[in-house]
N, C-alpha and C. Protein backbone atom coordinates (compact mmCIF):
# COMPACT_ATOMS: atom_id res chain seq x y z
N MET A 1 -75.04 82.38 83.49
CA MET A 1 -75.63 82.73 82.35
C MET A 1 -75.62 81.19 81.51
N ALA A 2 -76.72 81.12 80.93
CA ALA A 2 -76.71 79.74 80.21
C ALA A 2 -75.92 80.12 78.82
N ARG A 3 -75.63 78.79 78.52
CA ARG A 3 -74.58 78.60 77.14
C ARG A 3 -75.42 78.14 75.95
N LEU A 4 -75.28 78.70 74.94
CA LEU A 4 -76.02 78.62 73.95
C LEU A 4 -75.15 77.64 73.06
N GLU A 5 -75.37 76.56 72.44
CA GLU A 5 -74.66 75.84 71.35
C GLU A 5 -75.26 75.59 70.29
N LEU A 6 -74.75 75.82 69.29
CA LEU A 6 -75.33 75.45 67.93
C LEU A 6 -74.65 73.89 67.55
N THR A 7 -75.69 73.17 67.18
CA THR A 7 -75.41 71.98 66.73
C THR A 7 -76.44 71.73 65.35
N LEU A 8 -75.79 70.64 64.51
CA LEU A 8 -76.89 70.42 63.39
C LEU A 8 -77.41 69.23 63.70
N ASN A 9 -78.66 69.16 63.68
CA ASN A 9 -79.39 67.81 63.40
C ASN A 9 -79.30 67.08 62.46
N PHE A 10 -78.55 65.96 62.08
CA PHE A 10 -79.06 65.55 61.21
C PHE A 10 -80.07 64.49 61.33
N PRO A 11 -80.62 64.07 59.91
CA PRO A 11 -81.72 63.20 60.07
C PRO A 11 -81.59 61.87 60.32
N LYS A 12 -82.42 61.16 60.99
CA LYS A 12 -82.37 59.67 61.32
C LYS A 12 -82.08 58.82 59.96
N GLY A 13 -81.33 58.05 60.41
CA GLY A 13 -80.81 57.16 59.25
C GLY A 13 -80.19 58.02 58.06
N PHE A 14 -79.10 58.93 58.65
CA PHE A 14 -78.32 59.43 57.55
C PHE A 14 -77.18 58.49 57.37
N GLN A 15 -76.18 58.77 56.42
CA GLN A 15 -75.32 57.81 55.91
C GLN A 15 -74.01 58.63 55.82
N VAL A 16 -72.87 58.04 55.80
CA VAL A 16 -71.41 58.83 55.72
C VAL A 16 -70.74 58.22 54.70
N LYS A 17 -70.62 58.58 53.66
CA LYS A 17 -69.59 58.25 52.43
C LYS A 17 -68.39 59.14 52.84
N THR A 18 -66.97 58.14 52.55
CA THR A 18 -65.71 59.15 52.41
C THR A 18 -65.09 59.25 51.05
N PHE A 19 -64.43 60.18 50.86
CA PHE A 19 -63.74 60.50 49.76
C PHE A 19 -62.30 60.99 49.82
N ASN A 20 -61.33 60.37 48.89
CA ASN A 20 -60.31 60.84 49.27
C ASN A 20 -59.90 61.45 48.04
N ILE A 21 -59.22 62.73 47.78
CA ILE A 21 -58.89 63.23 46.81
C ILE A 21 -57.24 63.73 46.71
N LYS A 22 -56.36 63.50 46.04
CA LYS A 22 -55.12 63.73 45.82
C LYS A 22 -55.01 65.27 45.05
N SER A 23 -54.42 66.22 46.32
CA SER A 23 -54.09 67.59 45.62
C SER A 23 -52.91 67.82 44.78
N GLU A 24 -52.86 67.92 43.61
CA GLU A 24 -51.39 68.09 42.95
C GLU A 24 -50.46 69.35 43.43
N LYS A 25 -51.18 70.48 43.94
CA LYS A 25 -50.37 71.55 44.70
C LYS A 25 -50.82 71.73 45.87
N LYS A 26 -50.13 72.40 46.51
CA LYS A 26 -50.25 72.34 47.92
C LYS A 26 -51.20 73.58 48.22
N LEU A 27 -52.26 73.16 49.31
CA LEU A 27 -53.30 74.07 49.35
C LEU A 27 -52.69 75.50 50.22
N SER A 28 -53.44 76.72 49.71
CA SER A 28 -53.10 77.96 50.79
C SER A 28 -53.63 77.71 52.20
N PRO A 29 -52.94 78.62 52.83
CA PRO A 29 -53.68 78.81 54.29
C PRO A 29 -55.02 79.03 54.27
N LEU A 30 -55.24 79.96 53.04
CA LEU A 30 -56.80 80.30 53.25
C LEU A 30 -57.83 79.20 52.73
N ALA A 31 -57.22 78.50 51.82
CA ALA A 31 -58.11 77.37 51.52
C ALA A 31 -58.24 76.34 52.82
N ARG A 32 -57.01 75.84 53.37
CA ARG A 32 -57.05 75.08 54.42
C ARG A 32 -58.07 75.54 55.52
N LEU A 33 -58.33 77.08 56.06
CA LEU A 33 -59.00 77.71 56.54
C LEU A 33 -60.23 77.47 56.35
N ILE A 34 -60.51 77.64 55.24
CA ILE A 34 -62.09 77.54 54.71
C ILE A 34 -62.50 76.12 54.51
N LEU A 35 -61.60 75.06 54.36
CA LEU A 35 -62.15 73.59 54.74
C LEU A 35 -62.33 73.43 55.95
N GLN A 36 -61.56 73.75 56.65
CA GLN A 36 -62.06 73.45 58.20
C GLN A 36 -63.05 73.87 58.72
N SER A 37 -63.37 75.52 58.12
CA SER A 37 -64.74 75.73 58.68
C SER A 37 -66.17 75.46 58.01
N VAL A 38 -65.97 74.50 57.08
CA VAL A 38 -67.11 74.21 56.35
C VAL A 38 -67.86 72.76 57.07
N GLN A 39 -67.20 72.08 57.95
CA GLN A 39 -67.57 71.00 58.59
C GLN A 39 -69.15 71.09 59.21
N PHE A 40 -69.94 70.15 59.02
CA PHE A 40 -71.36 70.28 59.36
C PHE A 40 -72.36 71.23 58.68
N LYS A 41 -71.75 71.44 57.61
CA LYS A 41 -72.80 72.60 56.83
C LYS A 41 -73.13 71.77 55.45
N HIS A 42 -74.12 72.49 55.22
CA HIS A 42 -75.27 71.74 53.95
C HIS A 42 -74.30 71.94 52.78
N PHE A 43 -74.51 71.23 51.79
CA PHE A 43 -73.27 71.24 50.62
C PHE A 43 -73.73 72.64 49.70
N TYR A 44 -74.59 73.05 49.47
CA TYR A 44 -74.60 74.48 48.95
C TYR A 44 -74.03 75.38 49.52
N TYR A 45 -74.20 75.51 51.09
CA TYR A 45 -73.58 76.41 51.48
C TYR A 45 -72.01 76.45 51.66
N VAL A 46 -71.53 74.93 51.61
CA VAL A 46 -69.95 74.69 51.36
C VAL A 46 -69.85 75.30 49.73
N ARG A 47 -70.35 75.39 48.83
CA ARG A 47 -70.42 75.49 47.45
C ARG A 47 -70.15 77.15 47.57
N ASP A 48 -70.97 77.76 48.25
CA ASP A 48 -71.07 79.34 48.01
C ASP A 48 -69.80 79.83 48.94
N ASP A 49 -69.46 79.12 49.75
CA ASP A 49 -68.18 79.85 50.72
C ASP A 49 -67.39 79.51 49.92
N ILE A 50 -67.14 78.47 49.19
CA ILE A 50 -65.62 78.29 48.50
C ILE A 50 -65.51 79.09 47.21
N SER A 51 -66.87 79.29 46.66
CA SER A 51 -66.77 80.20 45.68
C SER A 51 -66.45 81.43 45.88
N TYR A 52 -67.17 82.33 46.89
CA TYR A 52 -67.06 83.69 47.44
C TYR A 52 -65.63 84.03 47.99
N LEU A 53 -65.43 82.92 48.79
CA LEU A 53 -64.00 83.41 49.72
C LEU A 53 -62.69 82.93 49.10
N LEU A 54 -62.79 82.21 47.80
CA LEU A 54 -61.49 82.07 47.06
C LEU A 54 -61.49 82.89 45.74
N LYS A 55 -62.26 83.75 45.53
CA LYS A 55 -62.39 84.51 44.38
C LYS A 55 -60.92 84.84 44.16
N SER A 56 -60.14 85.02 44.95
CA SER A 56 -58.58 85.79 44.32
C SER A 56 -57.96 84.74 44.08
N THR A 57 -58.02 83.13 44.52
CA THR A 57 -57.57 82.23 43.56
C THR A 57 -58.00 81.27 42.59
N PRO A 58 -58.68 81.76 41.49
CA PRO A 58 -59.28 80.90 40.74
C PRO A 58 -59.02 79.54 40.72
N ILE A 59 -57.61 79.07 40.50
CA ILE A 59 -57.39 77.51 40.23
C ILE A 59 -57.65 76.96 41.51
N GLU A 60 -57.31 77.50 42.55
CA GLU A 60 -57.67 76.64 43.49
C GLU A 60 -59.24 76.58 43.85
N ARG A 61 -59.90 77.41 43.81
CA ARG A 61 -61.02 77.54 43.66
C ARG A 61 -61.97 76.75 42.98
N ASP A 62 -61.59 76.67 41.73
CA ASP A 62 -61.97 75.88 40.41
C ASP A 62 -61.69 74.32 40.97
N PHE A 63 -60.42 73.92 41.27
CA PHE A 63 -60.30 72.44 41.79
C PHE A 63 -61.16 71.98 43.04
N LEU A 64 -61.50 72.74 44.16
CA LEU A 64 -61.79 72.41 45.08
C LEU A 64 -63.65 72.28 44.72
N LEU A 65 -64.42 73.24 44.07
CA LEU A 65 -65.53 73.10 43.54
C LEU A 65 -65.58 71.80 42.55
N GLN A 66 -64.28 71.79 41.79
CA GLN A 66 -64.78 70.65 40.78
C GLN A 66 -64.85 69.24 41.72
N THR A 67 -63.97 68.93 42.51
CA THR A 67 -63.88 68.10 43.47
C THR A 67 -65.20 67.87 44.10
N LEU A 68 -65.77 68.87 44.85
CA LEU A 68 -67.16 68.67 45.44
C LEU A 68 -68.22 68.20 44.51
N TYR A 69 -67.95 69.03 43.25
CA TYR A 69 -69.30 68.62 42.28
C TYR A 69 -69.11 67.20 41.76
N SER A 70 -67.92 66.87 41.63
CA SER A 70 -67.67 65.13 41.26
C SER A 70 -68.28 64.42 42.43
N ILE A 71 -67.95 64.67 43.48
CA ILE A 71 -68.90 63.99 44.75
C ILE A 71 -70.04 63.97 44.63
N VAL A 72 -70.72 64.87 44.90
CA VAL A 72 -72.06 64.84 44.81
C VAL A 72 -72.86 64.47 43.70
N ILE A 73 -72.35 64.63 42.10
CA ILE A 73 -72.87 64.11 41.11
C ILE A 73 -72.74 62.30 41.40
N SER A 74 -71.48 61.83 41.77
CA SER A 74 -71.57 60.48 42.17
C SER A 74 -72.56 59.71 43.09
N LEU A 75 -72.70 60.58 44.08
CA LEU A 75 -74.13 60.08 44.99
C LEU A 75 -75.39 60.55 44.43
N GLN A 76 -75.46 61.55 43.55
CA GLN A 76 -76.88 61.54 42.91
C GLN A 76 -77.02 60.49 42.17
N ASN A 77 -76.18 60.07 40.89
CA ASN A 77 -76.24 58.91 39.98
C ASN A 77 -76.12 57.77 40.70
N ASN A 78 -75.31 57.24 41.82
CA ASN A 78 -75.23 56.15 42.25
C ASN A 78 -76.04 55.77 43.47
N LEU A 79 -76.56 56.58 44.11
CA LEU A 79 -77.47 56.51 45.29
C LEU A 79 -79.00 57.29 45.22
N SER A 80 -78.90 58.19 44.30
CA SER A 80 -80.06 58.65 44.17
C SER A 80 -80.37 59.47 45.50
N VAL A 81 -79.18 60.29 45.53
CA VAL A 81 -79.04 61.28 47.09
C VAL A 81 -79.81 62.56 46.49
N ASN A 82 -80.70 63.23 46.84
CA ASN A 82 -80.85 64.37 46.79
C ASN A 82 -80.04 65.31 47.11
N PHE A 83 -79.93 67.01 46.24
CA PHE A 83 -78.70 67.64 46.29
C PHE A 83 -78.95 68.01 47.69
N PHE A 84 -80.26 68.50 48.11
CA PHE A 84 -80.24 69.45 49.38
C PHE A 84 -80.46 68.34 50.48
N ASP A 85 -80.07 67.30 50.21
CA ASP A 85 -79.94 66.16 51.79
C ASP A 85 -78.44 65.94 51.90
N MET A 86 -77.49 66.81 51.56
CA MET A 86 -76.24 66.33 51.55
C MET A 86 -75.18 67.40 52.55
N TRP A 87 -74.46 66.92 53.51
CA TRP A 87 -73.81 67.79 54.04
C TRP A 87 -72.49 67.38 54.19
N VAL A 88 -71.54 68.17 54.58
CA VAL A 88 -70.09 67.92 54.77
C VAL A 88 -69.80 67.63 56.30
N TYR A 89 -69.65 66.58 56.38
CA TYR A 89 -69.55 65.57 57.80
C TYR A 89 -68.10 65.88 58.26
N GLU A 90 -67.36 66.12 57.52
CA GLU A 90 -65.72 66.12 58.15
C GLU A 90 -64.84 66.46 57.00
N ILE A 91 -63.85 67.07 57.23
CA ILE A 91 -62.77 67.42 55.76
C ILE A 91 -61.49 67.31 56.86
N TYR A 92 -60.56 66.64 56.44
CA TYR A 92 -59.39 66.87 57.06
C TYR A 92 -58.09 66.47 55.89
N ILE A 93 -57.04 67.06 56.31
CA ILE A 93 -55.88 67.08 54.95
C ILE A 93 -54.62 66.35 55.27
N ASN A 94 -54.46 65.52 54.78
CA ASN A 94 -53.16 64.38 55.14
C ASN A 94 -51.98 64.64 54.20
N LYS A 95 -50.74 65.07 54.86
CA LYS A 95 -49.72 65.19 53.87
C LYS A 95 -49.00 63.54 53.98
N ILE A 96 -48.53 62.82 52.78
CA ILE A 96 -48.01 61.48 53.06
C ILE A 96 -46.90 61.83 51.90
N SER A 97 -45.65 61.15 52.18
CA SER A 97 -44.51 61.47 51.57
C SER A 97 -44.41 60.08 50.72
N ASN A 98 -44.02 60.08 49.66
CA ASN A 98 -43.81 59.15 48.73
C ASN A 98 -42.32 58.89 48.48
N TYR A 99 -41.57 57.69 49.06
CA TYR A 99 -40.39 57.21 48.90
C TYR A 99 -40.16 56.45 47.74
N ASN A 100 -39.03 56.53 47.21
CA ASN A 100 -38.71 55.35 46.06
C ASN A 100 -37.67 54.31 46.90
N LYS A 101 -37.96 53.30 47.10
CA LYS A 101 -37.17 52.29 47.39
C LYS A 101 -35.81 51.95 46.96
N PHE A 102 -35.83 52.18 45.65
CA PHE A 102 -34.64 51.71 44.73
C PHE A 102 -34.17 52.72 44.76
N ILE A 103 -33.78 54.01 45.13
CA ILE A 103 -33.22 55.14 45.48
C ILE A 103 -32.88 55.62 46.61
N ASP A 104 -31.53 55.85 46.66
CA ASP A 104 -31.16 56.27 48.08
C ASP A 104 -31.56 57.31 48.66
N GLN A 105 -32.14 57.10 49.98
CA GLN A 105 -33.18 58.21 50.67
C GLN A 105 -32.52 59.32 50.88
N LYS A 106 -31.34 59.38 51.03
CA LYS A 106 -30.48 60.83 51.32
C LYS A 106 -30.80 61.98 50.09
N SER A 107 -30.58 61.04 48.86
CA SER A 107 -30.34 61.70 47.44
C SER A 107 -31.80 62.15 46.91
N GLN A 108 -33.12 61.71 47.66
CA GLN A 108 -34.26 61.90 47.16
C GLN A 108 -34.66 63.07 47.80
N LYS A 109 -35.55 63.92 46.86
CA LYS A 109 -36.02 65.40 46.94
C LYS A 109 -37.31 64.98 46.99
N VAL A 110 -38.28 64.67 48.36
CA VAL A 110 -39.58 64.08 48.29
C VAL A 110 -40.28 65.33 48.54
N GLN A 111 -41.33 65.45 47.93
CA GLN A 111 -42.28 66.66 48.10
C GLN A 111 -43.80 65.68 48.65
N PRO A 112 -44.10 66.19 49.67
CA PRO A 112 -44.90 65.17 50.43
C PRO A 112 -46.24 65.51 49.58
N SER A 113 -46.93 64.72 49.09
CA SER A 113 -48.52 64.67 48.54
C SER A 113 -49.33 65.10 49.24
N GLU A 114 -50.65 66.15 49.29
CA GLU A 114 -51.55 66.45 50.19
C GLU A 114 -52.71 65.46 49.62
N TYR A 115 -53.36 64.74 50.43
CA TYR A 115 -54.67 64.15 50.44
C TYR A 115 -55.72 64.95 51.24
N ILE A 116 -56.98 65.24 50.36
CA ILE A 116 -57.84 65.87 51.32
C ILE A 116 -58.99 64.58 51.26
N THR A 117 -59.43 64.23 52.63
CA THR A 117 -60.59 63.42 52.93
C THR A 117 -61.65 64.17 53.18
N ILE A 118 -62.61 63.85 52.54
CA ILE A 118 -64.11 64.50 52.64
C ILE A 118 -64.81 63.60 52.99
N LYS A 119 -65.54 63.60 54.19
CA LYS A 119 -66.75 62.56 54.53
C LYS A 119 -67.85 63.45 54.29
N LEU A 120 -68.80 62.73 53.36
CA LEU A 120 -70.37 63.60 53.18
C LEU A 120 -71.31 63.16 53.96
N ALA A 121 -72.04 63.44 54.55
CA ALA A 121 -73.08 62.71 55.16
C ALA A 121 -74.50 63.27 54.21
N TYR A 122 -75.40 62.08 54.12
CA TYR A 122 -76.63 62.32 53.24
C TYR A 122 -77.79 61.70 53.77
N ALA A 123 -78.78 62.23 53.67
CA ALA A 123 -79.87 61.53 54.22
C ALA A 123 -80.29 60.34 52.99
N THR A 124 -80.98 59.15 53.57
CA THR A 124 -81.37 58.46 52.86
C THR A 124 -83.27 58.36 52.92
N ASN A 125 -83.60 58.35 51.92
CA ASN A 125 -85.16 58.71 51.80
C ASN A 125 -85.70 57.15 51.58
N VAL A 126 -86.20 56.49 53.00
CA VAL A 126 -86.73 55.19 52.78
C VAL A 126 -88.20 55.46 53.27
N SER A 127 -88.92 55.08 52.05
CA SER A 127 -90.33 55.16 52.09
C SER A 127 -90.84 53.90 52.21
N SER A 128 -91.77 54.09 53.55
CA SER A 128 -92.59 52.66 53.78
C SER A 128 -93.79 52.43 53.21
N GLU A 129 -94.11 53.49 52.44
CA GLU A 129 -95.13 53.28 51.81
C GLU A 129 -95.12 52.15 50.43
N LYS A 130 -96.19 51.51 50.21
CA LYS A 130 -96.26 50.79 48.93
C LYS A 130 -96.80 51.41 47.90
N ASN A 131 -96.46 51.52 46.59
CA ASN A 131 -97.26 51.91 45.93
C ASN A 131 -98.19 51.15 44.99
N ASN A 132 -99.77 51.22 45.13
CA ASN A 132 -100.62 50.44 44.68
C ASN A 132 -101.00 50.94 43.23
N ILE A 133 -101.10 49.81 42.28
CA ILE A 133 -101.45 50.32 41.05
C ILE A 133 -102.59 49.55 40.69
N GLN A 134 -103.67 50.21 40.21
CA GLN A 134 -104.77 49.86 39.95
C GLN A 134 -105.30 49.50 38.73
N LEU A 135 -105.80 48.83 38.03
CA LEU A 135 -105.83 48.60 36.65
C LEU A 135 -107.27 48.84 36.42
């Protein structure tokens, strides 16, 4: 029996930008699962997934959507990337403990911070045609 694999074909000449976001609150297991499932999806599908699947937790939903919108607007403003030419390439969550070296480590109650790393792939539109202006 032949095995069918689904792969996303990125356009030639795509670029990847990495963004790191600190989450003030620990993400819920549902939010983590959703973030793991959105890899290699177009941005607008990711937006829909987060909007609909996190309806029950509006604070978390709004945080993730605001984060994604900020990233997309940054790419649109700085690199003129089209909204429809963006994909979530990779997302992962890191926990980082912040110790104060001036306080005894035994007495510190350190809550590790969560950082969400989002790698966004985008197509670059390189036009080889020259615009000729006739006077």
